[in-house]
C-alpha atoms as a PDB file:
ATOM      1  CA  MET A   1      73.408 231.796 190.117  1.00  0.00           C
ATOM      2  CA  PRO A   2      69.738 231.077 189.388  1.00  0.00           C
ATOM      3  CA  SER A   3      67.263 233.045 191.422  1.00  0.00           C
ATOM      4  CA  ASN A   4      65.302 231.169 194.064  1.00  0.00           C
ATOM      5  CA  ARG A   5      63.763 231.727 197.509  1.00  0.00           C
ATOM      6  CA  LEU A   6      67.084 230.974 199.199  1.00  0.00           C
ATOM      7  CA  ASN A   7      69.256 233.516 197.417  1.00  0.00           C
ATOM      8  CA  LYS A   8      66.763 236.210 196.451  1.00  0.00           C
ATOM      9  CA  GLY A   9      63.666 237.763 197.974  1.00  0.00           C
ATOM     10  CA  SER A  10      60.196 237.280 196.533  1.00  0.00           C
ATOM     11  CA  SER A  11      60.374 240.646 194.765  1.00  0.00           C
ATOM     12  CA  PRO A  12      63.265 242.472 193.075  1.00  0.00           C
ATOM     13  CA  ASP A  13      63.309 245.066 195.884  1.00  0.00           C
ATOM     14  CA  GLU A  14      63.374 242.467 198.649  1.00  0.00           C
ATOM     15  CA  PRO A  15      66.851 241.509 199.939  1.00  0.00           C
ATOM     16  CA  ALA A  16      68.223 237.986 199.727  1.00  0.00           C
ATOM     17  CA  LEU A  17      66.924 235.682 202.456  1.00  0.00           C
ATOM     18  CA  ALA A  18      70.435 235.129 203.806  1.00  0.00           C
ATOM     19  CA  SER A  19      70.763 238.829 204.573  1.00  0.00           C
ATOM     20  CA  SER A  20      67.194 239.270 205.741  1.00  0.00           C
ATOM     21  CA  LYS A  21      66.063 239.532 209.348  1.00  0.00           C
ATOM     22  CA  ARG A  22      63.604 236.737 208.561  1.00  0.00           C
ATOM     23  CA  LEU A  23      66.283 234.156 209.331  1.00  0.00           C
ATOM     24  CA  ASN A  24      66.871 235.421 212.859  1.00  0.00           C
ATOM     25  CA  THR A  25      63.431 236.607 213.880  1.00  0.00           C
ATOM     26  CA  PRO A  26      60.746 234.423 212.369  1.00  0.00           C
ATOM     27  CA  GLU A  27      57.402 236.080 212.022  1.00  0.00           C
ATOM     28  CA  ILE A  28      54.381 234.527 213.669  1.00  0.00           C
ATOM     29  CA  PRO A  29      52.262 233.007 210.913  1.00  0.00           C
ATOM     30  CA  PRO A  30      48.841 234.637 210.498  1.00  0.00           C
ATOM     31  CA  GLY A  31      46.329 233.193 212.959  1.00  0.00           C
ATOM     32  CA  LEU A  32      49.043 231.766 215.237  1.00  0.00           C
ATOM     33  CA  THR A  33      48.628 233.428 218.616  1.00  0.00           C
ATOM     34  CA  GLY A  34      51.097 233.312 221.496  1.00  0.00           C
ATOM     35  CA  GLU A  35      48.946 230.656 223.161  1.00  0.00           C
ATOM     36  CA  ARG A  36      49.206 228.385 220.122  1.00  0.00           C
ATOM     37  CA  LEU A  37      52.959 228.962 219.963  1.00  0.00           C
ATOM     38  CA  ASN A  38      53.127 227.314 223.385  1.00  0.00           C
ATOM     39  CA  ASN A  39      51.510 224.226 221.914  1.00  0.00           C
ATOM     40  CA  LEU A  40      53.755 223.459 218.965  1.00  0.00           C
ATOM     41  CA  ARG A  41      52.443 219.916 218.592  1.00  0.00           C
ATOM     42  CA  GLU A  42      48.874 221.134 218.184  1.00  0.00           C
ATOM     43  CA  TYR A  43      49.898 223.775 215.662  1.00  0.00           C
ATOM     44  CA  LEU A  44      51.992 221.453 213.496  1.00  0.00           C
ATOM     45  CA  GLY A  45      49.411 218.691 213.818  1.00  0.00           C
ATOM     46  CA  SER A  46      46.760 221.040 212.471  1.00  0.00           C
ATOM     47  CA  MET A  47      48.868 221.581 209.359  1.00  0.00           C
ATOM     48  CA  PHE A  48      49.883 217.969 208.714  1.00  0.00           C
ATOM     49  CA  ASP A  49      47.972 214.799 209.575  1.00  0.00           C
ATOM     50  CA  GLY A  50      49.786 212.007 211.369  1.00  0.00           C
ATOM     51  CA  LEU A  51      52.960 213.802 212.444  1.00  0.00           C
ATOM     52  CA  LEU A  52      54.851 211.845 215.088  1.00  0.00           C
ATOM     53  CA  PHE A  53      56.670 213.547 217.945  1.00  0.00           C
ATOM     54  CA  LEU A  54      59.044 212.291 220.617  1.00  0.00           C
ATOM     55  CA  SER A  55      56.963 211.230 223.597  1.00  0.00           C
ATOM     56  CA  GLU A  56      58.482 213.681 226.096  1.00  0.00           C
ATOM     57  CA  PRO A  57      57.227 217.250 225.505  1.00  0.00           C
ATOM     58  CA  GLU A  58      60.567 218.649 226.762  1.00  0.00           C
ATOM     59  CA  PHE A  59      62.041 217.621 223.417  1.00  0.00           C
ATOM     60  CA  ASP A  60      59.683 219.990 221.573  1.00  0.00           C
ATOM     61  CA  GLN A  61      62.250 222.735 222.135  1.00  0.00           C
ATOM     62  CA  ALA A  62      64.627 220.700 219.925  1.00  0.00           C
ATOM     63  CA  ILE A  63      62.235 220.789 216.939  1.00  0.00           C
ATOM     64  CA  VAL A  64      63.870 222.740 214.133  1.00  0.00           C
ATOM     65  CA  GLY A  65      61.322 222.188 211.394  1.00  0.00           C
ATOM     66  CA  LEU A  66      59.641 219.729 209.104  1.00  0.00           C
ATOM     67  CA  ALA A  67      61.119 217.649 206.280  1.00  0.00           C
ATOM     68  CA  ASP A  68      59.484 216.641 203.045  1.00  0.00           C
ATOM     69  CA  ARG A  69      60.643 213.692 200.986  1.00  0.00           C
ATOM     70  CA  ILE A  70      59.372 212.756 197.552  1.00  0.00           C
ATOM     71  CA  GLY A  71      56.668 210.114 197.781  1.00  0.00           C
ATOM     72  CA  MET A  72      56.748 210.086 201.587  1.00  0.00           C
ATOM     73  CA  SER A  73      54.960 211.876 204.406  1.00  0.00           C
ATOM     74  CA  THR A  74      56.165 215.085 206.004  1.00  0.00           C
ATOM     75  CA  VAL A  75      58.086 214.405 209.226  1.00  0.00           C
ATOM     76  CA  VAL A  76      59.171 216.405 212.266  1.00  0.00           C
ATOM     77  CA  VAL A  77      62.894 217.277 212.407  1.00  0.00           C
ATOM     78  CA  TYR A  78      64.813 217.513 215.684  1.00  0.00           C
ATOM     79  CA  ASP A  79      68.267 218.956 216.406  1.00  0.00           C
ATOM     80  CA  THR A  80      70.406 216.113 217.770  1.00  0.00           C
ATOM     81  CA  SER A  81      72.617 218.397 219.857  1.00  0.00           C
ATOM     82  CA  LYS A  82      69.615 220.032 221.541  1.00  0.00           C
ATOM     83  CA  ILE A  83      68.190 216.617 222.412  1.00  0.00           C
ATOM     84  CA  ILE A  84      71.490 215.621 224.014  1.00  0.00           C
ATOM     85  CA  ASP A  85      71.607 218.942 225.899  1.00  0.00           C
ATOM     86  CA  ILE A  86      68.084 218.309 227.215  1.00  0.00           C
ATOM     87  CA  LEU A  87      69.066 214.806 228.383  1.00  0.00           C
ATOM     88  CA  CYS A  88      72.116 216.215 230.178  1.00  0.00           C
ATOM     89  CA  GLU A  89      70.125 218.927 231.921  1.00  0.00           C
ATOM     90  CA  ARG A  90      66.936 216.996 232.638  1.00  0.00           C
ATOM     91  CA  ASP A  91      68.454 213.677 233.669  1.00  0.00           C
ATOM     92  CA  GLY A  92      71.858 214.810 234.935  1.00  0.00           C
ATOM     93  CA  MET A  93      73.710 212.704 232.352  1.00  0.00           C
ATOM     94  CA  ASP A  94      77.194 213.529 231.165  1.00  0.00           C
ATOM     95  CA  ARG A  95      77.464 214.178 227.406  1.00  0.00           C
ATOM     96  CA  GLU A  96      78.830 210.723 226.580  1.00  0.00           C
ATOM     97  CA  THR A  97      76.039 208.930 228.460  1.00  0.00           C
ATOM     98  CA  ALA A  98      73.388 211.226 226.952  1.00  0.00           C
ATOM     99  CA  THR A  99      74.762 210.568 223.454  1.00  0.00           C
ATOM    100  CA  GLU A 100      74.670 206.817 224.008  1.00  0.00           C
ATOM    101  CA  TYR A 101      71.122 207.042 225.394  1.00  0.00           C
ATOM    102  CA  TYR A 102      70.042 209.169 222.413  1.00  0.00           C
ATOM    103  CA  GLU A 103      71.571 206.808 219.846  1.00  0.00           C
ATOM    104  CA  PHE A 104      70.004 203.677 221.318  1.00  0.00           C
ATOM    105  CA  ASN A 105      66.641 204.878 222.650  1.00  0.00           C
ATOM    106  CA  ILE A 106      65.710 207.787 220.390  1.00  0.00           C
ATOM    107  CA  LEU A 107      67.588 207.551 217.098  1.00  0.00           C
ATOM    108  CA  GLY A 108      67.249 203.770 217.097  1.00  0.00           C
ATOM    109  CA  ALA A 109      63.468 203.807 217.514  1.00  0.00           C
ATOM    110  CA  TYR A 110      61.769 203.332 214.132  1.00  0.00           C
ATOM    111  CA  VAL A 111      58.009 203.687 214.401  1.00  0.00           C
ATOM    112  CA  GLY A 112      57.015 203.757 210.757  1.00  0.00           C
ATOM    113  CA  GLU A 113      57.103 206.045 207.754  1.00  0.00           C
ATOM    114  CA  GLN A 114      56.521 209.151 209.859  1.00  0.00           C
ATOM    115  CA  THR A 115      59.360 208.497 212.292  1.00  0.00           C
ATOM    116  CA  PRO A 116      60.961 211.877 213.031  1.00  0.00           C
ATOM    117  CA  MET A 117      64.294 212.820 211.481  1.00  0.00           C
ATOM    118  CA  PHE A 118      67.310 213.990 213.467  1.00  0.00           C
ATOM    119  CA  ILE A 119      69.903 216.401 212.140  1.00  0.00           C
ATOM    120  CA  SER A 120      73.356 217.403 213.251  1.00  0.00           C
ATOM    121  CA  LEU A 121      74.036 221.030 212.419  1.00  0.00           C
ATOM    122  CA  ILE A 122      77.390 221.843 210.813  1.00  0.00           C
ATOM    123  CA  ASP A 123      78.338 224.157 213.691  1.00  0.00           C
ATOM    124  CA  ASP A 124      77.848 221.286 216.145  1.00  0.00           C
ATOM    125  CA  LEU A 125      79.958 218.927 214.060  1.00  0.00           C
ATOM    126  CA  MET A 126      82.873 221.355 213.912  1.00  0.00           C
ATOM    127  CA  LEU A 127      83.408 221.741 217.670  1.00  0.00           C
END
């Protein structure tokens, strides 16, 4: 298998990323204090111009990363299951109602090239 950042560390002595603690305990990037961690939108916005977020800040806890696409802007990526969990808890919806609300009001809202992306993790699909 060719060596890359996913299957091998950055140096020969560094373990593969999959077996590294870095997957489970992300390090705080240099210059990112605890206060800035509490304001994820500000931090990500300082790295990338024009990022769009879901309007309700409660959904920030469902952000799993950023996605890059060739010839297009970087976009925020949300975990679909976490969004549905937030809707259930925050609004008292059952899972079916929260899923329907998510599909129509969140997933179905296109606001331009920087519209966030939504992923379904394999573990959530195999319930």
